Amino acid sequence: MKKITPADRLSAIKEYYFSRKLAEVAELNAKGMDIVSLGIGGPDRPPHPSVVDTLKEQASRPDTHGYQPTKGIPELRKAYAGFYKRFYGVELNPDTEILPLLGSKEGILHISMAFLNPGDGVLVPNPGYPTYTSGTRIAGGEIFYYDLKEENGWFPDFEAIERMPLEKIKIMWVNYPHMPTGTPATRELYEKLIAFGKKHGILIVHDNPYSFILNPEPMSILEIEGAKETAIEMNSLSKSHNMPGWRMAMLATNAEFAQWILKVKSNVDSGQYLPMMKAAAKALTLEQDWIDEVNKEYAERRKIAEKIMSELGCSFDPKQQGLFLWGRIPESVANVEEFTDKILYEARVFLTPGFIFGSNGDRYIRISLCATQERLEEALRRVREFSK
């Protein structure tokens, strides 16, 4: 019998770190170890009650269970446009400049497939979200990592990037507030990115799911004049509206770019569930008091996470934003993965080692705020015992 083999592209990607590590944590829990998981950034609280009520009402109807348009219902696109106008001051045409997504991870691959030919270059941040790397490899692109370093404020070094083979580059992935470092966005950074993209004919893709978490001044790269000519922004309800499992996200750009991505998307999925789109549209009408309520809880959790970092001897920037706390490990620690594994098995607390986000994360760990204050306090108690 002739052996069946996988596609060559699989040799260039690995199983997602959290897929593998959370299975290990589940095994430990099955043995009764009661691991406090502070690894993944999945909000643990429910959406607003009105959002859940809308889903229930719509799902109980007999006429809401059929296939839906790949580009989403007009009500949802209009809600996204209203959200961008209200919170960012950005005008978007809901008919042509907005495309709903089944989460930003799906958007990364769809954008890559729509814009990359095999061998096209892609600028990927180091450290950064691992799916920028795997999505590029699946699409056949060539990765060029650009450094983000603490001494440079975790911002791109444009002088260094200008020395790269930019004639080969088609896409640049950026993400502010940055994951994993929590670095806030600035208007100056966005202006530099748009100018850079226009100068070199490079598509700037800004992944913006954290702009409302512990951030008093949410920003969009599309606020910059002319940004839609060279940029795409992705956004998501996962973090800001406690809806990670709903897979409700979107991208915004010019009509031509959106149409190219729709060509890919329409051949991959058959739209989102109508009651979920109706509920997402409801979520997008929530006002500032909802965001304030969400952030009040995260602010309390953040205080405990900072204590955990300090107990471990890690240093961190208190100005970080987003769902995580990023800290530098002590110089006395030789290896970050060994450090986090030791904490996992001895303190029974799961923290994320920074190396999974790139080589510039080798001396860092990340703590998720997506656990109750009670569980964070328990993690703090265990870490104190561990650190004695």
Protein backbone atom coordinates (compact mmCIF):
# COMPACT_ATOMS: atom_id res chain seq x y z
CA MET A 1 0.00 0.00 0.00
CA LYS A 2 1.35 3.41 -0.96
CA LYS A 3 1.75 5.64 2.08
CA ILE A 4 -0.41 8.77 2.39
CA THR A 5 1.56 11.83 3.47
CA PRO A 6 0.47 15.29 4.65
CA ALA A 7 1.00 18.50 2.70
CA ASP A 8 4.51 19.93 2.86
CA ARG A 9 3.15 23.08 4.54
CA LEU A 10 2.49 21.11 7.73
CA SER A 11 6.22 20.63 8.25
CA ALA A 12 6.55 24.40 8.67
CA ILE A 13 3.97 24.74 11.45
CA LYS A 14 3.49 23.22 14.89
CA GLU A 15 0.46 22.51 17.00
CA TYR A 16 -0.59 25.73 18.71
CA TYR A 17 1.26 25.98 22.05
CA PHE A 18 -1.90 26.43 24.12
CA SER A 19 -3.58 23.47 22.43
CA ARG A 20 -0.74 21.27 23.62
CA LYS A 21 -0.13 22.87 27.02
CA LEU A 22 -3.77 23.07 28.08
CA ALA A 23 -4.06 19.34 27.39
CA GLU A 24 -1.16 18.86 29.82
CA VAL A 25 -2.90 21.06 32.38
CA ALA A 26 -6.09 19.02 31.93
CA GLU A 27 -4.12 15.83 32.67
CA LEU A 28 -2.75 17.38 35.87
CA ASN A 29 -6.24 18.44 36.92
CA ALA A 30 -7.49 14.92 36.27
CA LYS A 31 -4.91 13.76 38.80
CA GLY A 32 -6.36 16.17 41.35
CA MET A 33 -3.69 18.88 41.20
CA ASP A 34 -6.20 21.77 40.82
CA ILE A 35 -4.05 23.97 38.57
CA VAL A 36 -4.74 27.71 38.63
CA SER A 37 -4.61 28.55 34.93
CA LEU A 38 -3.34 32.04 34.19
CA GLY A 39 -2.19 31.22 30.70
CA ILE A 40 -4.72 31.87 27.98
CA GLY A 41 -6.56 35.16 27.41
CA GLY A 42 -10.17 34.00 27.20
CA PRO A 43 -12.55 36.24 29.19
CA ASP A 44 -14.27 34.19 31.89
CA ARG A 45 -17.28 36.46 32.49
CA PRO A 46 -20.49 36.41 30.40
CA PRO A 47 -21.64 39.02 27.89
CA HIS A 48 -24.17 41.67 28.86
CA PRO A 49 -27.55 40.08 29.74
CA SER A 50 -29.27 41.90 26.89
CA VAL A 51 -26.89 40.22 24.44
CA VAL A 52 -27.69 36.76 25.78
CA ASP A 53 -31.41 37.57 25.78
CA THR A 54 -31.22 38.61 22.13
CA LEU A 55 -29.53 35.32 21.25
CA LYS A 56 -32.19 33.31 23.08
CA GLU A 57 -35.06 35.23 21.52
CA GLN A 58 -33.68 34.91 18.01
CA ALA A 59 -32.72 31.24 18.39
CA SER A 60 -36.27 30.38 19.48
CA ARG A 61 -37.71 31.66 16.21
CA PRO A 62 -38.44 29.10 13.46
CA ASP A 63 -36.98 31.26 10.68
CA THR A 64 -33.45 32.01 11.92
CA HIS A 65 -31.60 28.76 11.28
CA GLY A 66 -30.71 28.88 7.60
CA TYR A 67 -27.52 29.77 5.75
CA GLN A 68 -26.53 33.42 5.93
CA PRO A 69 -24.57 35.80 3.69
CA THR A 70 -20.81 35.39 3.97
CA LYS A 71 -20.48 39.14 4.43
CA GLY A 72 -22.98 39.13 7.29
CA ILE A 73 -26.39 40.74 7.62
CA PRO A 74 -26.71 44.51 7.01
CA GLU A 75 -27.78 45.05 10.63
CA LEU A 76 -24.47 43.67 11.90
CA ARG A 77 -22.32 45.64 9.45
CA LYS A 78 -24.20 48.83 10.33
CA ALA A 79 -23.65 48.10 14.02
CA TYR A 80 -19.89 47.72 13.43
CA ALA A 81 -19.88 51.00 11.51
CA GLY A 82 -21.78 52.74 14.32
CA PHE A 83 -19.35 51.33 16.89
CA TYR A 84 -16.34 52.67 14.96
CA LYS A 85 -17.95 56.08 14.57
CA ARG A 86 -18.94 56.32 18.24
CA PHE A 87 -15.71 55.13 19.86
CA TYR A 88 -12.99 55.91 17.30
CA GLY A 89 -14.52 58.71 15.21
CA VAL A 90 -13.92 56.62 12.07
CA GLU A 91 -16.42 56.68 9.20
CA LEU A 92 -16.95 53.30 7.50
CA ASN A 93 -19.31 52.33 4.70
CA PRO A 94 -21.16 49.31 6.12
CA ASP A 95 -21.97 47.99 2.64
CA THR A 96 -18.43 47.98 1.23
CA GLU A 97 -15.77 48.59 3.91
CA ILE A 98 -16.67 46.09 6.64
CA LEU A 99 -16.42 42.29 6.56
CA PRO A 100 -17.47 40.16 9.55
CA LEU A 101 -15.09 37.36 10.54
CA LEU A 102 -15.29 34.12 12.53
CA GLY A 103 -12.69 35.57 14.87
CA SER A 104 -9.46 37.41 14.11
CA LYS A 105 -7.54 34.16 13.72
CA GLU A 106 -9.69 33.35 10.69
CA GLY A 107 -9.07 36.86 9.40
CA ILE A 108 -5.31 36.40 9.57
CA LEU A 109 -5.46 33.41 7.26
CA HIS A 110 -8.03 34.94 4.88
CA ILE A 111 -5.97 38.12 4.50
CA SER A 112 -2.83 36.06 3.94
CA MET A 113 -4.53 33.94 1.28
CA ALA A 114 -5.99 37.01 -0.45
CA PHE A 115 -2.75 39.01 -0.68
CA LEU A 116 0.19 36.59 -0.69
CA ASN A 117 1.68 34.68 -3.58
CA PRO A 118 4.12 31.89 -2.67
CA GLY A 119 7.40 33.46 -1.63
CA ASP A 120 6.02 36.94 -0.87
CA GLY A 121 7.60 38.47 2.20
CA VAL A 122 5.75 39.27 5.42
CA LEU A 123 6.94 41.41 8.32
CA VAL A 124 6.03 39.66 11.59
CA PRO A 125 6.67 41.16 15.04
CA ASN A 126 9.03 39.43 17.46
CA PRO A 127 7.50 39.00 20.00
CA GLY A 128 4.01 38.73 18.59
CA TYR A 129 0.90 36.62 18.18
CA PRO A 130 2.05 33.17 16.92
CA THR A 131 -0.74 32.95 14.32
CA TYR A 132 0.90 35.73 12.27
CA THR A 133 3.74 33.26 11.73
CA SER A 134 1.68 30.12 11.15
CA GLY A 135 -0.83 31.91 8.92
CA THR A 136 1.99 33.23 6.75
CA ARG A 137 3.53 29.80 6.44
CA ILE A 138 0.24 28.14 5.54
CA ALA A 139 -0.23 30.73 2.80
CA GLY A 140 3.28 30.11 1.44
CA GLY A 141 4.76 33.47 2.43
CA GLU A 142 8.32 34.11 3.57
CA ILE A 143 8.66 35.48 7.10
CA PHE A 144 10.87 38.42 7.99
CA TYR A 145 10.77 39.05 11.73
CA TYR A 146 11.16 42.63 12.92
CA ASP A 147 12.37 43.19 16.46
CA LEU A 148 10.32 44.67 19.24
CA LYS A 149 12.52 45.21 22.29
CA GLU A 150 12.03 46.64 25.74
CA GLU A 151 14.81 49.19 25.24
CA ASN A 152 12.91 50.57 22.24
CA GLY A 153 9.60 50.72 24.11
CA TRP A 154 8.37 47.60 22.26
CA PHE A 155 7.89 49.73 19.12
CA PRO A 156 9.18 48.89 15.63
CA ASP A 157 12.66 50.17 14.80
CA PHE A 158 11.87 51.71 11.43
CA GLU A 159 15.55 52.42 10.68
CA ALA A 160 16.33 48.73 11.05
CA ILE A 161 13.26 47.73 9.02
CA GLU A 162 14.32 50.07 6.19
CA ARG A 163 17.47 47.94 5.82
CA MET A 164 15.41 44.80 5.16
CA PRO A 165 14.60 43.59 1.59
CA LEU A 166 11.40 45.63 1.43
CA GLU A 167 10.97 45.02 -2.29
CA LYS A 168 9.94 41.48 -1.33
CA ILE A 169 7.52 42.50 1.45
CA LYS A 170 3.76 42.44 0.85
CA ILE A 171 2.26 42.55 4.38
CA MET A 172 3.29 43.95 7.77
CA TRP A 173 1.46 42.64 10.86
CA VAL A 174 1.10 45.06 13.77
CA ASN A 175 -0.88 44.91 17.01
CA TYR A 176 -1.33 47.75 19.54
CA PRO A 177 -2.14 47.66 22.39
CA HIS A 178 0.45 44.97 21.87
CA MET A 179 0.08 41.35 22.79
CA PRO A 180 1.99 40.05 24.72
CA THR A 181 3.76 43.16 26.09
CA GLY A 182 0.71 45.38 26.74
CA THR A 183 2.38 48.36 25.05
CA PRO A 184 -0.21 51.10 24.32
CA ALA A 185 -0.77 52.52 20.86
CA THR A 186 0.19 56.10 20.00
CA ARG A 187 -0.98 58.32 17.19
CA GLU A 188 2.65 58.92 16.21
CA LEU A 189 3.21 55.18 15.78
CA TYR A 190 0.10 54.83 13.62
CA GLU A 191 1.22 57.77 11.46
CA LYS A 192 4.65 56.20 10.96
CA LEU A 193 3.10 52.86 10.01
CA ILE A 194 0.76 54.38 7.43
CA ALA A 195 3.57 56.48 5.92
CA PHE A 196 5.80 53.39 5.79
CA GLY A 197 3.11 51.31 4.09
CA LYS A 198 2.43 53.96 1.45
CA LYS A 199 6.13 54.54 0.78
CA HIS A 200 6.86 50.88 0.08
CA GLY A 201 3.52 49.58 -1.17
CA ILE A 202 3.18 47.33 1.89
CA LEU A 203 -0.18 46.34 3.35
CA ILE A 204 -0.33 47.29 7.04
CA VAL A 205 -2.63 44.91 8.93
CA HIS A 206 -3.45 46.15 12.41
CA ASP A 207 -4.91 43.61 14.84
CA ASN A 208 -6.83 45.65 17.44
CA PRO A 209 -8.75 43.42 19.90
CA TYR A 210 -7.38 44.97 23.13
CA SER A 211 -8.08 48.66 22.63
CA PHE A 212 -10.83 48.80 25.28
CA ILE A 213 -9.16 46.75 28.03
CA LEU A 214 -7.64 48.90 30.80
CA ASN A 215 -7.23 51.66 28.22
CA PRO A 216 -8.90 55.05 28.78
CA GLU A 217 -8.19 56.21 25.19
CA PRO A 218 -9.08 53.53 22.61
CA MET A 219 -7.54 54.18 19.19
CA SER A 220 -7.84 52.82 15.67
CA ILE A 221 -5.19 53.01 12.99
CA LEU A 222 -7.99 54.02 10.63
CA GLU A 223 -8.15 57.36 12.43
CA ILE A 224 -5.06 58.36 10.43
CA GLU A 225 -5.84 60.26 7.23
CA GLY A 226 -5.56 58.01 4.19
CA ALA A 227 -5.11 54.87 6.30
CA LYS A 228 -7.71 52.85 4.38
CA GLU A 229 -5.57 53.18 1.23
CA THR A 230 -2.86 50.95 2.68
CA ALA A 231 -4.24 49.38 5.87
CA ILE A 232 -6.68 46.81 7.18
CA GLU A 233 -7.82 46.78 10.79
CA MET A 234 -9.24 43.73 12.52
CA ASN A 235 -11.33 44.04 15.66
CA SER A 236 -13.19 41.60 17.86
CA LEU A 237 -15.96 41.25 20.43
CA SER A 238 -14.06 38.45 22.19
CA LYS A 239 -12.21 40.62 24.69
CA SER A 240 -14.17 43.86 24.91
CA HIS A 241 -17.61 42.22 25.17
CA ASN A 242 -16.77 38.87 26.86
CA MET A 243 -17.68 36.87 23.76
CA PRO A 244 -14.61 34.73 22.87
CA GLY A 245 -16.54 31.53 22.09
CA TRP A 246 -18.99 33.37 19.87
CA ARG A 247 -16.29 34.01 17.23
CA MET A 248 -17.58 37.46 16.32
CA ALA A 249 -14.99 39.74 14.74
CA MET A 250 -14.58 42.01 11.74
CA LEU A 251 -12.17 43.76 9.46
CA ALA A 252 -12.38 47.26 8.05
CA THR A 253 -10.57 48.64 5.00
CA ASN A 254 -11.26 50.06 1.56
CA ALA A 255 -13.90 48.44 -0.64
CA GLU A 256 -11.42 46.83 -3.04
CA PHE A 257 -9.38 45.11 -0.34
CA ALA A 258 -12.57 43.91 1.37
CA GLN A 259 -13.82 42.42 -1.89
CA TRP A 260 -10.58 40.52 -2.46
CA ILE A 261 -10.80 38.99 1.03
CA LEU A 262 -14.48 38.17 0.50
CA LYS A 263 -13.47 36.05 -2.52
CA VAL A 264 -11.45 33.83 -0.19
CA LYS A 265 -13.93 33.87 2.68
CA SER A 266 -16.93 32.99 0.50
CA ASN A 267 -15.17 29.80 -0.57
CA VAL A 268 -14.37 28.79 3.01
CA ASP A 269 -17.46 29.43 5.15
CA SER A 270 -21.19 29.91 4.72
CA GLY A 271 -21.75 32.83 7.06
CA GLN A 272 -22.40 33.13 10.78
CA TYR A 273 -25.45 31.98 12.73
CA LEU A 274 -28.18 34.62 12.38
CA PRO A 275 -29.15 34.79 16.10
CA MET A 276 -25.48 35.31 16.99
CA MET A 277 -25.17 38.13 14.45
CA LYS A 278 -28.31 39.75 15.89
CA ALA A 279 -26.87 39.43 19.40
CA ALA A 280 -23.51 40.82 18.30
CA ALA A 281 -25.30 43.81 16.78
CA LYS A 282 -26.93 44.34 20.16
CA ALA A 283 -23.55 44.14 21.91
CA LEU A 284 -22.16 46.82 19.62
CA THR A 285 -24.81 49.28 20.86
CA LEU A 286 -23.64 49.04 24.49
CA GLU A 287 -22.30 52.31 25.85
CA GLN A 288 -19.27 53.34 27.89
CA ASP A 289 -20.76 52.13 31.18
CA TRP A 290 -20.43 48.51 29.99
CA ILE A 291 -16.76 49.01 29.16
CA ASP A 292 -16.23 50.71 32.51
CA GLU A 293 -17.81 47.76 34.32
CA VAL A 294 -15.60 45.27 32.50
CA ASN A 295 -12.48 47.31 33.24
CA LYS A 296 -13.33 47.78 36.91
CA GLU A 297 -13.05 44.02 37.39
CA TYR A 298 -9.86 43.73 35.32
CA ALA A 299 -8.27 46.55 37.32
CA GLU A 300 -8.78 44.62 40.56
CA ARG A 301 -7.40 41.46 39.00
CA ARG A 302 -4.42 43.35 37.67
CA LYS A 303 -3.43 44.41 41.20
CA ILE A 304 -3.19 40.76 42.22
CA ALA A 305 -1.29 39.82 39.05
CA GLU A 306 1.26 42.51 39.83
CA LYS A 307 1.76 40.99 43.28
CA ILE A 308 2.35 37.59 41.68
CA MET A 309 4.97 39.10 39.37
CA SER A 310 6.70 40.76 42.28
CA GLU A 311 6.71 37.54 44.35
CA LEU A 312 8.46 35.82 41.43
CA GLY A 313 11.08 38.57 41.30
CA CYS A 314 9.90 39.79 37.89
CA SER A 315 9.90 43.42 36.75
CA PHE A 316 7.11 44.96 34.69
CA ASP A 317 5.83 48.23 33.21
CA PRO A 318 2.75 49.43 35.15
CA LYS A 319 1.48 51.31 32.06
CA GLN A 320 0.60 48.09 30.23
CA GLN A 321 -2.86 47.69 28.71
CA GLY A 322 -4.90 44.66 27.68
CA LEU A 323 -5.77 41.31 29.22
CA PHE A 324 -2.29 40.34 30.40
CA LEU A 325 0.66 41.35 32.53
CA TRP A 326 4.07 40.93 30.91
CA GLY A 327 7.12 40.69 33.15
CA ARG A 328 10.86 40.18 32.84
CA ILE A 329 12.22 37.20 34.78
CA PRO A 330 15.14 37.60 37.23
CA GLU A 331 18.66 37.34 35.85
CA SER A 332 19.21 34.39 38.19
CA VAL A 333 16.70 32.33 36.18
CA ALA A 334 18.45 30.49 33.36
CA ASN A 335 15.53 29.35 31.19
CA VAL A 336 11.99 30.72 31.03
CA GLU A 337 10.31 27.45 30.02
CA GLU A 338 11.99 25.57 32.85
CA PHE A 339 10.92 28.41 35.18
CA THR A 340 7.23 28.27 34.17
CA ASP A 341 7.21 24.46 34.23
CA LYS A 342 8.65 24.52 37.74
CA ILE A 343 5.90 26.92 38.79
CA LEU A 344 3.32 24.67 37.12
CA TYR A 345 4.41 21.48 38.84
CA GLU A 346 5.48 22.85 42.21
CA ALA A 347 3.14 25.82 42.75
CA ARG A 348 0.34 24.40 40.58
CA VAL A 349 -0.02 27.69 38.68
CA PHE A 350 0.10 27.84 34.88
CA LEU A 351 1.86 30.93 33.48
CA THR A 352 2.83 31.52 29.86
CA PRO A 353 6.55 31.54 28.96
CA GLY A 354 7.38 34.44 26.67
CA PHE A 355 9.44 32.39 24.22
CA ILE A 356 6.27 31.18 22.48
CA PHE A 357 5.81 34.72 21.11
CA GLY A 358 9.31 34.85 19.63
CA SER A 359 12.96 34.93 20.64
CA ASN A 360 12.62 38.44 22.09
CA GLY A 361 10.26 36.95 24.66
CA ASP A 362 12.85 34.50 26.02
CA ARG A 363 13.35 36.43 29.27
CA TYR A 364 9.67 37.13 29.99
CA ILE A 365 6.50 35.55 31.34
CA ARG A 366 2.86 36.50 30.85
CA ILE A 367 0.00 36.37 33.34
CA SER A 368 -3.58 36.35 32.09
CA LEU A 369 -6.23 38.40 33.90
CA CYS A 370 -8.94 35.95 32.79
CA ALA A 371 -9.44 34.30 36.17
CA THR A 372 -11.54 35.35 39.13
CA GLN A 373 -10.04 37.41 41.91
CA GLU A 374 -10.41 34.37 44.16
CA ARG A 375 -8.35 32.19 41.82
CA LEU A 376 -5.75 34.91 41.38
CA GLU A 377 -5.48 35.23 45.15
CA GLU A 378 -5.03 31.47 45.38
CA ALA A 379 -2.29 31.67 42.74
CA LEU A 380 -0.62 34.43 44.77
CA ARG A 381 -0.74 32.30 47.91
CA ARG A 382 0.80 29.34 46.10
CA VAL A 383 3.52 31.46 44.48
CA ARG A 384 4.45 32.92 47.87
CA GLU A 385 4.94 29.42 49.21
CA PHE A 386 6.90 28.48 46.10
CA SER A 387 9.19 31.52 46.39
CA LYS A 388 10.17 30.94 50.03
